[in-house]
């Protein structure tokens, strides 16, 4: 058996991409074949196989092996199988030979009766007559062919998985850099909390004094309570803390060695929620700018996460 394959460079990663491709050709007389496996992003695992249906057990075995390799993605696996009809054994067609010999005997007898002299017939002349010598094909052994194809498919599957690992390594690097950027922006937001608290406190005291000046008989304690509630509602300490926690959670997922694409996708929603809340509560130019920068980075992260298995 001979096999040639388009082998992608090997790579390793804690995560894998859902995108991958591998192709190869192989032969085991009288058959030759060409494999092609490709995968793109998908919410779940969708396997679409196009293989000869007369090879019992092949499709089931391929589905099992692909399912053990991938957790999700849209996967297509195509096998083009050709049979070389020129490969076979030569055999004499006994019935046709008898017909030819009878015809020759009749011709020679008639020629003798007519006084016509004929050259003696040779075996080489007879075998070239239509239908005397036939080429017979091999009996197809579907079980043996299935085993050969599955052994060959293991090579394709390794190449396919290696490509997904290679792309996963690139995704890991990109997402790690983006998480560092989120962490840096979160640290900047944390550094502004004290200044923001002082500004908010001064603004609340100023507003309280203005209300008391213009509201005869107003309950000062009641107004102070309402302003305190407003201060609590506009506090962003929890949002900043949760952003930091989400960064750590994302890093753990990236290093888990498991198929974490769905979990990362859910986590991106949490990242976005905190960034939106920070922007809505900011009431400070610098914090608003940080919130917008966070939203931009998180949106980029969400695009990359869509490729993670």
Foldseek 3Di string as FASTA:
>chain_A
DDKDWDFDDFAAFLFFFQWFKIKIKDDDPQKIKIKIKTWAFDPFAAEAEDDDPVLPPLVVVVVVVVVVLDGGTHMYMYMDMDGDPVDFDKDFDVVVLVVVVVVVVVVVVVCVVVVHDDDDDDPVVSCPPPRGMDGDHDDDDSNVVSVVVVVVVVVRVVSGRRRRRVVLRVLLVLLLVLLVVLVVLLVVVVVCLVVVLVVLVVVLVVVLVVCPVVDPPDDSVVSVVVSVVVVVLLRLPVLSVVSVVLSVVVVCLRNVSDQCLVVVLVSLVSQLVSLVSQCVSVVDVVSVVSSVVSNVSSVVNNVSSSRTD
